[in-house]
Every structure is written in C-alpha cells, then in structure tokens.
Amino acid sequence: MEVEWLLVIHGLITLLVLISFLCGQWPIFQGTFIQKFHFFLTFGACDYFRRFVGAVFGQKGSDALFRVEYYCCDRPNPTLQVIYLGIIGGSYYFIVQSAFKYIPGYYLGEVHRYMSLLAVGGGILLFLLTSFSDPGTVNAANVSHYLSAYPYDNIIFSEKECPTCKIPKPARSKHCSICDRCVARFDHHCGWMNNCIGERNTRYFMAFLLWHFLLCLYGAVAIALVLAGRLKELRVIDILTVYYGFEKSFSTLAPHVVVWLLDSYNTQILIMVFLAIVSMLLAGFLAYHTKLCVTNTTTNETFKWQEYLNWKRKVNEAKASAAALKASLGELNHEKHPVSKWKAFFLRSRLEEVEVIKNNIYDKGMIQNISEIIVPLSTRQSFLPRKSKSG
C-alpha cells in the first residue's frame, strides 16, 4: 500500500505544481493558495535563492548568478528546447519500456507500435518547424509592405519609429528585446521554441499545440486501454467475483481493481496520469490561442487592450462622476423637492452606465481571421510589390 499512496501523493503534487505555475494568475484563483504558490514558484523561490547565494558566496556569487539568469531569461538560448526534447524522448522511452510488451493486446493492435512513433516524430517535426521558422522579421526591405498590410488603429497602435531598428513600426509589430528584432503581428516570445511567435509562424505554433494535445491524449488513452486489456486477459473480474466472492457491482469491485492496478502497473499509471494532466493543460492553451486566432488578436494586443480599456474606463468614470456632481449641485440650486428614499434606491447610478467598447479593426470575421493565420499576408502575392509593365 505504500507504493500506491506514494503514487497518489506524487500525482497530486505534480498537478498542484503544474496548475499553480501555469494557471496561478487566472482570475478564478485570485486570493487563493494557488495564486500565492504561483508567486512563490515564479518569483519568491528565485528571490530567496538569490539572497542565499549572495549571503554564502558574496558579490562574486551574485554576479555569476546574474550572468546565468541573463543568459537563460534575456538572451536566445536552447535550454528549454533541450528540456522539451528530454521530456518527449524520456516519456516515449518509458512508454516503450513499460507498455509495448503488452501490444498487441486485447484492445490495441500491432499498428499502435508504429503509430506512436509517427505521432512523436510529427510532434518533434512541428517543434523544429516552429523553432527555426521566420516569425515575420520586419526590416528596411519589407517594412513598407507591412505598413500597407496592417493599418494603424490609432487606439493601441499609432505611427512611430522603432528606436532600436531605426525603421517605422508597423501596426501589430513589436521589437523583441530577447531576439533583438521587430516581429510583425507579434504574439509572444516562446522560450520553449527559442523563437518569437509572429505573423509567419503562428500557424506552426497552433499546429504544435493541437498535435501535442492529441498526442498526450492518445498516449493516455492507449495506456488506459492496455491496462483494461490486462484486466480482460488475466480475468481479474472473474477471479474477484468467482474465487473471492465479491459482489459483481462497480462500487464493490472498483476499489479492489484500482489496488491491483496500482500494485502491478504503477509505472504505466504514473505515465498515464502525467500525460492526462499535460493534455488538459495543453487543451487550455489551445483554447486560449484559438480564441485569439478567431478574433484576430494576439497575446501582446490582449495586454494592450486591457491597459487601454482600464484607462478609458477610469476616464469615463471620472466624467460620469463630474456630470453627476454637476447635476446634484444644479438640483440643490433649483431647490427641487427631495427624492423619496425608495425612488432614490431604484435610481441607476451614472457610474453604472459607464461602458467601454473594444473596437478591434483587425477582426474581419472568423473565416478571414483564420485564413490570415493559415496563409499569412506576407506570403501572399498581393503583399509583394507589383512589377511595372514595360511598354
């Protein structure tokens, strides 16, 4: 039973760490332990470690730590790419070692040995394609075409020059401080890819997320079918009901079946739970970025819109407050009959009428938005300068 409890505790801790690290800033977790644990994982732990190094090794240790942090967080580096390859390679290795000996089985045929290899290979191919593709670098040669393709909305994007590249900044672009280049339709810099996600490679990034979600789901379901097949082949249910006399009902048999599986196939269950958790997290990322693609918005623009809407809301509230104060003073000056308490209770406050509308001029409808992801504007014939016809 110790092994079973260790597996359960390990799974719960893994789930807690993953959810806290990746989702701790979500509004649903505001003010909870998850948000505090997220802060500790993303800032607190690093801050305590930095203080510890400074106290033990002095200024030289702090400088060395700063150089490592600068290389890992502020400069292009393959650290997370190597970790990704290690995770997917290690996971597939353990699956081969622990589950392939039961394939073919009661529910899975021989073909899944080769399908799994193709699925993992396809995932790595999409990873490499996203990592080493051009995200849409803006330079002096193509900046005029990007300026034509993406007009300024004069709300979150206005005409300005990139102080680093010394060229006009097209709307929806951003200068990535890590890659040191301007990227068209900039979404975010992805450390896992060691590359920016922009106008030209968002399609590969979306395919990567979708493929890996399906890959993890496929792995979890396949291992579950392997375990279900072992239950059938070894006739565990018959043994429990016929030889041990347990009642043939789900509530009676389920605890004994789970204990038997945890005792006999703990490695397979651990991998299955890991794949299931990762697939759920990937489903969340995929849903978020799908919404962005459908509405023709980027992660960078989401933050810009949030800042603009908050500012606009405060301005509107200030105007509404001034108008309400002016109206109240006017009523006092005219010495009108006081409003009854019940009527005043049901009167709507002017502040409640404040409404800020997001006007995204780049949202051209779902079909056209998706087509811009699949076939980026810079890859279309209309993006290139037309050659003048010789007379």
Protein backbone atom coordinates (compact mmCIF):
# COMPACT_ATOMS: atom_id res chain seq x y z
CA MET A 1 0.00 0.00 0.00
CA GLU A 2 2.98 2.36 0.48
CA VAL A 3 3.66 2.37 -3.26
CA GLU A 4 0.05 3.21 -4.04
CA TRP A 5 -0.01 6.13 -1.61
CA LEU A 6 3.31 7.41 -2.97
CA LEU A 7 1.84 7.39 -6.49
CA VAL A 8 -1.28 9.24 -5.37
CA ILE A 9 0.75 11.86 -3.46
CA HIS A 10 3.16 12.23 -6.39
CA GLY A 11 0.28 12.77 -8.82
CA LEU A 12 -1.42 15.36 -6.58
CA ILE A 13 1.83 17.30 -6.06
CA THR A 14 2.58 17.24 -9.80
CA LEU A 15 -0.93 18.50 -10.58
CA LEU A 16 -0.65 21.26 -7.94
CA VAL A 17 2.73 22.47 -9.23
CA LEU A 18 1.65 22.46 -12.89
CA ILE A 19 -1.65 24.26 -12.25
CA SER A 20 -0.04 26.80 -9.89
CA PHE A 21 2.85 27.55 -12.23
CA LEU A 22 0.85 27.78 -15.46
CA CYS A 23 -2.57 28.98 -14.30
CA GLY A 24 -1.93 30.74 -10.98
CA GLN A 25 -2.61 34.20 -12.43
CA TRP A 26 -6.07 33.30 -13.72
CA PRO A 27 -8.89 35.38 -12.13
CA ILE A 28 -10.54 32.23 -10.77
CA PHE A 29 -7.53 31.65 -8.46
CA GLN A 30 -7.27 35.24 -7.23
CA GLY A 31 -6.74 35.40 -3.47
CA THR A 32 -6.29 31.62 -3.15
CA PHE A 33 -3.39 29.38 -2.20
CA ILE A 34 -2.85 28.65 -5.90
CA GLN A 35 -2.08 32.31 -6.60
CA LYS A 36 0.32 32.52 -3.64
CA PHE A 37 2.07 29.32 -4.70
CA HIS A 38 2.34 30.70 -8.25
CA PHE A 39 4.03 33.82 -6.86
CA PHE A 40 6.46 31.65 -4.90
CA LEU A 41 7.30 29.49 -7.91
CA THR A 42 7.75 32.38 -10.34
CA PHE A 43 9.33 34.99 -8.07
CA GLY A 44 9.65 34.06 -4.40
CA ALA A 45 11.80 30.94 -4.80
CA CYS A 46 14.19 32.73 -7.17
CA ASP A 47 14.42 35.74 -4.84
CA TYR A 48 15.21 33.56 -1.82
CA PHE A 49 17.80 31.61 -3.82
CA ARG A 50 19.40 34.87 -4.98
CA ARG A 51 19.65 36.07 -1.38
CA PHE A 52 21.08 32.73 -0.27
CA VAL A 53 23.78 32.82 -2.97
CA GLY A 54 24.65 36.42 -2.05
CA ALA A 55 24.92 35.56 1.64
CA VAL A 56 27.06 32.44 1.12
CA PHE A 57 29.24 33.35 -1.89
CA GLY A 58 29.22 37.15 -1.73
CA GLN A 59 29.22 39.54 -4.66
CA LYS A 60 31.05 37.12 -7.00
CA GLY A 61 28.34 34.53 -6.50
CA SER A 62 25.60 37.11 -7.11
CA ASP A 63 27.33 38.29 -10.31
CA ALA A 64 27.69 34.71 -11.58
CA LEU A 65 24.01 34.04 -10.83
CA PHE A 66 23.04 37.25 -12.63
CA ARG A 67 25.01 36.18 -15.72
CA VAL A 68 23.26 32.79 -15.74
CA GLU A 69 19.86 34.45 -15.27
CA TYR A 70 20.61 36.94 -18.06
CA TYR A 71 21.61 34.13 -20.43
CA CYS A 72 18.60 31.95 -19.60
CA CYS A 73 15.90 34.66 -19.48
CA ASP A 74 17.09 37.61 -21.58
CA ARG A 75 19.07 36.07 -24.44
CA PRO A 76 18.23 33.41 -27.05
CA ASN A 77 19.33 30.03 -25.73
CA PRO A 78 18.41 26.38 -26.34
CA THR A 79 17.88 25.44 -22.68
CA LEU A 80 14.13 24.86 -22.84
CA GLN A 81 14.44 23.27 -26.29
CA VAL A 82 16.77 20.63 -24.83
CA ILE A 83 14.38 20.15 -21.88
CA TYR A 84 11.46 19.64 -24.31
CA LEU A 85 13.40 17.01 -26.27
CA GLY A 86 14.33 15.34 -22.98
CA ILE A 87 10.71 15.28 -21.79
CA ILE A 88 9.23 13.90 -25.01
CA GLY A 89 12.12 11.47 -25.54
CA GLY A 90 12.10 10.27 -21.93
CA SER A 91 8.32 9.88 -21.85
CA TYR A 92 8.33 7.86 -25.07
CA TYR A 93 11.20 5.71 -23.79
CA PHE A 94 9.31 4.82 -20.59
CA ILE A 95 6.15 4.10 -22.59
CA VAL A 96 8.09 1.74 -24.86
CA GLN A 97 9.71 0.00 -21.90
CA SER A 98 6.57 -0.36 -19.80
CA ALA A 99 3.68 -0.70 -22.27
CA PHE A 100 4.94 -2.03 -25.60
CA LYS A 101 5.37 -5.54 -24.21
CA TYR A 102 1.57 -5.67 -23.88
CA ILE A 103 0.99 -4.57 -27.51
CA PRO A 104 -0.68 -6.19 -29.35
CA GLY A 105 -3.24 -6.79 -26.65
CA TYR A 106 -6.95 -7.25 -26.08
CA TYR A 107 -7.87 -3.71 -27.26
CA LEU A 108 -4.77 -2.48 -29.11
CA GLY A 109 -3.27 -3.93 -32.27
CA GLU A 110 0.32 -4.09 -33.51
CA VAL A 111 -0.19 -0.93 -35.59
CA HIS A 112 -0.03 1.25 -32.47
CA ARG A 113 3.67 0.49 -32.06
CA TYR A 114 4.33 2.32 -35.33
CA MET A 115 1.56 4.92 -34.98
CA SER A 116 3.04 6.11 -31.69
CA LEU A 117 6.47 6.55 -33.29
CA LEU A 118 4.96 8.53 -36.17
CA ALA A 119 2.95 10.65 -33.72
CA VAL A 120 6.03 11.53 -31.66
CA GLY A 121 8.04 12.18 -34.83
CA GLY A 122 5.31 14.50 -36.12
CA GLY A 123 5.36 16.43 -32.84
CA ILE A 124 9.13 16.90 -32.99
CA LEU A 125 8.88 17.99 -36.63
CA LEU A 126 6.33 20.70 -35.75
CA PHE A 127 8.53 21.73 -32.82
CA LEU A 128 11.54 22.18 -35.12
CA LEU A 129 9.42 23.96 -37.73
CA THR A 130 8.13 26.46 -35.16
CA SER A 131 11.54 26.90 -33.56
CA PHE A 132 13.55 27.62 -36.70
CA SER A 133 10.99 29.36 -38.93
CA ASP A 134 10.96 33.11 -39.54
CA PRO A 135 8.27 34.65 -37.29
CA GLY A 136 7.92 37.63 -39.63
CA THR A 137 11.01 39.77 -39.16
CA VAL A 138 10.42 43.40 -40.12
CA ASN A 139 13.37 45.10 -41.82
CA ALA A 140 14.07 48.03 -44.10
CA ALA A 141 13.36 45.91 -47.19
CA ASN A 142 9.81 44.86 -46.24
CA VAL A 143 8.67 47.50 -43.74
CA SER A 144 6.69 49.43 -46.37
CA HIS A 145 4.71 46.29 -47.27
CA TYR A 146 3.92 45.57 -43.62
CA LEU A 147 2.84 49.20 -43.16
CA SER A 148 0.34 48.69 -46.00
CA ALA A 149 -0.82 45.28 -44.75
CA TYR A 150 -1.52 46.40 -41.16
CA PRO A 151 -3.00 49.93 -40.86
CA TYR A 152 -2.80 51.86 -37.59
CA ASP A 153 -5.97 51.89 -35.49
CA ASN A 154 -4.76 54.96 -33.50
CA ILE A 155 -6.00 53.29 -30.34
CA ILE A 156 -3.38 50.77 -29.27
CA PHE A 157 -1.18 51.26 -32.35
CA SER A 158 -0.08 54.62 -33.68
CA GLU A 159 2.60 55.75 -36.09
CA LYS A 160 6.06 55.64 -34.50
CA GLU A 161 9.62 54.53 -35.14
CA CYS A 162 11.45 51.61 -33.54
CA PRO A 163 14.25 53.25 -31.51
CA THR A 164 16.45 50.15 -31.92
CA CYS A 165 15.94 49.19 -35.57
CA LYS A 166 15.53 52.83 -36.70
CA ILE A 167 12.66 51.93 -39.03
CA PRO A 168 8.91 52.72 -38.84
CA LYS A 169 7.00 50.29 -36.61
CA PRO A 170 4.09 48.68 -38.48
CA ALA A 171 0.88 48.25 -36.54
CA ARG A 172 0.70 44.99 -34.55
CA SER A 173 4.51 44.64 -34.54
CA LYS A 174 6.84 44.72 -31.56
CA HIS A 175 10.59 44.79 -31.03
CA CYS A 176 11.57 41.63 -29.15
CA SER A 177 14.26 42.50 -26.64
CA ILE A 178 15.41 38.87 -26.48
CA CYS A 179 15.77 38.24 -30.22
CA ASP A 180 16.66 41.91 -30.90
CA ARG A 181 14.39 42.30 -33.92
CA CYS A 182 11.00 43.69 -34.87
CA VAL A 183 8.38 41.00 -35.47
CA ALA A 184 5.19 41.52 -37.48
CA ARG A 185 1.91 40.64 -35.74
CA PHE A 186 3.93 39.82 -32.63
CA ASP A 187 2.21 37.40 -30.27
CA HIS A 188 4.87 36.48 -27.71
CA HIS A 189 8.40 35.19 -27.34
CA CYS A 190 8.26 31.46 -26.62
CA GLY A 191 11.17 30.15 -24.57
CA TRP A 192 10.29 26.55 -25.42
CA MET A 193 10.78 27.34 -29.11
CA ASN A 194 13.65 29.79 -28.53
CA ASN A 195 11.82 31.91 -31.08
CA CYS A 196 9.18 34.60 -31.39
CA ILE A 197 5.65 33.69 -32.39
CA GLY A 198 4.58 36.13 -35.05
CA GLU A 199 2.79 36.60 -38.33
CA ARG A 200 4.55 33.87 -40.32
CA ASN A 201 4.81 31.04 -37.77
CA THR A 202 1.61 31.32 -35.69
CA ARG A 203 0.18 28.55 -37.90
CA TYR A 204 3.03 26.21 -36.95
CA PHE A 205 2.65 27.11 -33.27
CA MET A 206 -1.10 26.36 -33.37
CA ALA A 207 -0.41 23.06 -35.15
CA PHE A 208 2.20 22.27 -32.47
CA LEU A 209 -0.31 22.87 -29.65
CA LEU A 210 -3.06 20.85 -31.35
CA TRP A 211 -0.75 17.96 -32.25
CA HIS A 212 0.75 17.70 -28.75
CA PHE A 213 -2.68 17.88 -27.12
CA LEU A 214 -3.83 14.97 -29.31
CA LEU A 215 -0.50 13.18 -28.76
CA CYS A 216 -0.79 13.30 -24.96
CA LEU A 217 -4.46 12.34 -25.12
CA TYR A 218 -3.63 9.44 -27.44
CA GLY A 219 -0.89 8.24 -25.08
CA ALA A 220 -3.13 8.42 -22.01
CA VAL A 221 -6.00 6.59 -23.73
CA ALA A 222 -3.66 3.96 -25.21
CA ILE A 223 -2.16 3.14 -21.79
CA ALA A 224 -5.66 3.02 -20.30
CA LEU A 225 -6.65 0.51 -23.00
CA VAL A 226 -3.50 -1.51 -22.27
CA LEU A 227 -4.49 -1.72 -18.58
CA ALA A 228 -8.10 -2.55 -19.49
CA GLY A 229 -6.79 -5.27 -21.78
CA ARG A 230 -4.70 -6.75 -18.97
CA LEU A 231 -7.82 -6.87 -16.80
CA LYS A 232 -9.58 -8.86 -19.53
CA GLU A 233 -6.66 -11.15 -20.37
CA LEU A 234 -5.93 -12.03 -16.74
CA ARG A 235 -9.67 -12.30 -15.94
CA VAL A 236 -9.29 -10.19 -12.81
CA ILE A 237 -13.03 -9.52 -12.53
CA ASP A 238 -13.84 -13.24 -12.72
CA ILE A 239 -11.25 -14.02 -10.06
CA LEU A 240 -12.62 -11.36 -7.71
CA THR A 241 -16.24 -12.46 -8.15
CA VAL A 242 -15.92 -16.26 -8.50
CA TYR A 243 -12.94 -17.12 -6.29
CA TYR A 244 -13.14 -14.32 -3.73
CA GLY A 245 -16.93 -13.97 -3.72
CA PHE A 246 -17.15 -10.21 -4.22
CA GLU A 247 -20.45 -8.82 -5.47
CA LYS A 248 -20.38 -8.04 -9.20
CA SER A 249 -21.03 -4.32 -8.95
CA PHE A 250 -18.93 -1.30 -9.80
CA SER A 251 -18.90 0.13 -6.26
CA THR A 252 -17.69 -3.19 -4.82
CA LEU A 253 -15.12 -4.17 -7.45
CA ALA A 254 -13.65 -0.73 -8.29
CA PRO A 255 -11.50 -0.32 -5.11
CA HIS A 256 -10.03 -3.82 -5.47
CA VAL A 257 -9.33 -3.33 -9.19
CA VAL A 258 -7.62 0.00 -8.53
CA VAL A 259 -5.46 -1.51 -5.79
CA TRP A 260 -4.49 -4.38 -8.10
CA LEU A 261 -3.60 -1.98 -10.94
CA LEU A 262 -1.56 0.30 -8.68
CA ASP A 263 0.31 -2.69 -7.27
CA SER A 264 1.02 -4.35 -10.64
CA TYR A 265 1.26 -1.47 -13.13
CA ASN A 266 2.31 1.58 -11.10
CA THR A 267 4.77 2.83 -13.77
CA GLN A 268 2.14 2.72 -16.51
CA ILE A 269 -0.40 4.52 -14.30
CA LEU A 270 2.14 7.21 -13.40
CA ILE A 271 2.84 7.87 -17.09
CA MET A 272 -0.87 7.82 -17.92
CA VAL A 273 -1.68 10.39 -15.20
CA PHE A 274 1.22 12.59 -16.34
CA LEU A 275 0.01 12.52 -19.96
CA ALA A 276 -3.58 13.23 -18.90
CA ILE A 277 -2.54 16.27 -16.84
CA VAL A 278 -0.35 17.66 -19.64
CA SER A 279 -3.15 17.11 -22.19
CA MET A 280 -5.57 19.13 -20.03
CA LEU A 281 -3.08 21.99 -19.71
CA LEU A 282 -2.42 21.92 -23.46
CA ALA A 283 -6.18 21.98 -24.05
CA GLY A 284 -6.36 25.22 -22.05
CA PHE A 285 -3.52 26.83 -24.01
CA LEU A 286 -5.01 25.62 -27.29
CA ALA A 287 -8.44 27.03 -26.42
CA TYR A 288 -6.93 30.39 -25.43
CA HIS A 289 -4.86 30.77 -28.60
CA THR A 290 -7.73 29.51 -30.76
CA LYS A 291 -9.89 32.31 -29.36
CA LEU A 292 -7.13 34.78 -30.21
CA CYS A 293 -6.89 33.47 -33.77
CA VAL A 294 -10.65 33.50 -34.30
CA THR A 295 -10.87 37.15 -33.13
CA ASN A 296 -7.62 38.15 -34.90
CA THR A 297 -5.93 39.23 -31.68
CA THR A 298 -2.51 38.46 -30.28
CA THR A 299 -1.31 37.91 -26.73
CA ASN A 300 0.59 41.19 -26.92
CA GLU A 301 -2.54 43.01 -28.10
CA THR A 302 -4.59 41.44 -25.30
CA PHE A 303 -2.39 43.20 -22.72
CA LYS A 304 -2.51 46.45 -24.73
CA TRP A 305 -6.31 46.32 -24.94
CA GLN A 306 -6.55 45.60 -21.21
CA GLU A 307 -4.43 48.66 -20.41
CA TYR A 308 -6.41 50.84 -22.81
CA LEU A 309 -9.82 49.67 -21.57
CA ASN A 310 -8.81 50.20 -17.92
CA TRP A 311 -7.59 53.72 -18.74
CA LYS A 312 -10.70 54.51 -20.80
CA ARG A 313 -12.96 53.18 -18.07
CA LYS A 314 -11.30 55.42 -15.46
CA VAL A 315 -11.66 58.43 -17.76
CA ASN A 316 -15.34 57.68 -18.38
CA GLU A 317 -15.97 57.15 -14.68
CA ALA A 318 -14.31 60.47 -13.90
CA LYS A 319 -16.51 62.20 -16.50
CA ALA A 320 -19.61 60.46 -15.13
CA SER A 321 -18.71 61.49 -11.58
CA ALA A 322 -18.22 65.10 -12.66
CA ALA A 323 -21.54 65.07 -14.52
CA ALA A 324 -23.33 63.55 -11.51
CA LEU A 325 -21.80 66.13 -9.17
CA LYS A 326 -22.81 68.94 -11.52
CA ALA A 327 -26.35 67.59 -11.75
CA SER A 328 -26.59 67.28 -7.96
CA LEU A 329 -25.44 70.87 -7.49
CA GLY A 330 -27.96 72.01 -10.08
CA GLU A 331 -30.76 70.27 -8.25
CA LEU A 332 -29.74 71.93 -4.99
CA ASN A 333 -29.66 75.33 -6.63
CA HIS A 334 -33.15 74.91 -8.05
CA GLU A 335 -34.43 73.69 -4.65
CA LYS A 336 -36.41 70.81 -6.10
CA HIS A 337 -38.45 68.52 -3.92
CA PRO A 338 -36.25 65.88 -2.39
CA VAL A 339 -36.44 62.46 -3.99
CA SER A 340 -38.02 59.81 -1.82
CA LYS A 341 -35.78 57.15 -0.34
CA TRP A 342 -37.47 54.37 -2.32
CA LYS A 343 -37.13 56.28 -5.61
CA ALA A 344 -33.50 57.11 -4.87
CA PHE A 345 -32.85 53.44 -4.11
CA PHE A 346 -34.07 52.34 -7.53
CA LEU A 347 -32.42 55.20 -9.45
CA ARG A 348 -29.49 53.95 -11.53
CA SER A 349 -26.13 55.49 -10.75
CA ARG A 350 -24.39 57.31 -13.60
CA LEU A 351 -21.27 55.29 -12.86
CA GLU A 352 -23.19 52.09 -13.61
CA GLU A 353 -23.88 53.40 -17.13
CA VAL A 354 -20.16 53.67 -17.95
CA GLU A 355 -19.41 51.29 -20.79
CA VAL A 356 -16.21 50.88 -22.78
CA ILE A 357 -16.37 49.19 -26.18
CA LYS A 358 -13.40 47.37 -27.69
CA ASN A 359 -13.14 48.32 -31.36
CA ASN A 360 -10.72 45.85 -32.95
CA ILE A 361 -10.39 46.89 -36.61
CA TYR A 362 -8.28 43.81 -37.35
CA ASP A 363 -11.17 41.45 -36.61
CA LYS A 364 -12.58 40.77 -40.10
CA GLY A 365 -14.76 37.79 -39.29
CA MET A 366 -13.90 34.26 -38.27
CA ILE A 367 -13.22 32.84 -41.75
CA GLN A 368 -10.94 35.67 -42.87
CA ASN A 369 -9.19 35.75 -39.48
CA ILE A 370 -8.37 32.05 -39.70
CA SER A 371 -7.24 32.42 -43.32
CA GLU A 372 -4.72 35.08 -42.20
CA ILE A 373 -3.24 32.53 -39.80
CA ILE A 374 -3.09 29.69 -42.33
CA VAL A 375 -1.87 31.90 -45.20
CA PRO A 376 -0.07 34.92 -43.68
CA LEU A 377 -0.36 38.22 -45.51
CA SER A 378 3.39 38.37 -46.18
CA THR A 379 3.25 35.07 -48.11
CA ARG A 380 0.52 36.26 -50.48
CA GLN A 381 1.12 37.63 -53.95
CA SER A 382 -0.66 40.87 -53.05
CA PHE A 383 1.93 41.57 -50.33
CA LEU A 384 4.83 41.73 -52.80
CA PRO A 385 5.46 44.87 -54.86
CA ARG A 386 3.92 44.69 -58.30
CA LYS A 387 6.35 44.90 -61.17
CA SER A 388 5.62 47.70 -63.60
CA LYS A 389 4.77 46.58 -67.11
CA SER A 390 7.37 47.56 -69.70
CA GLY A 391 5.88 49.47 -72.60
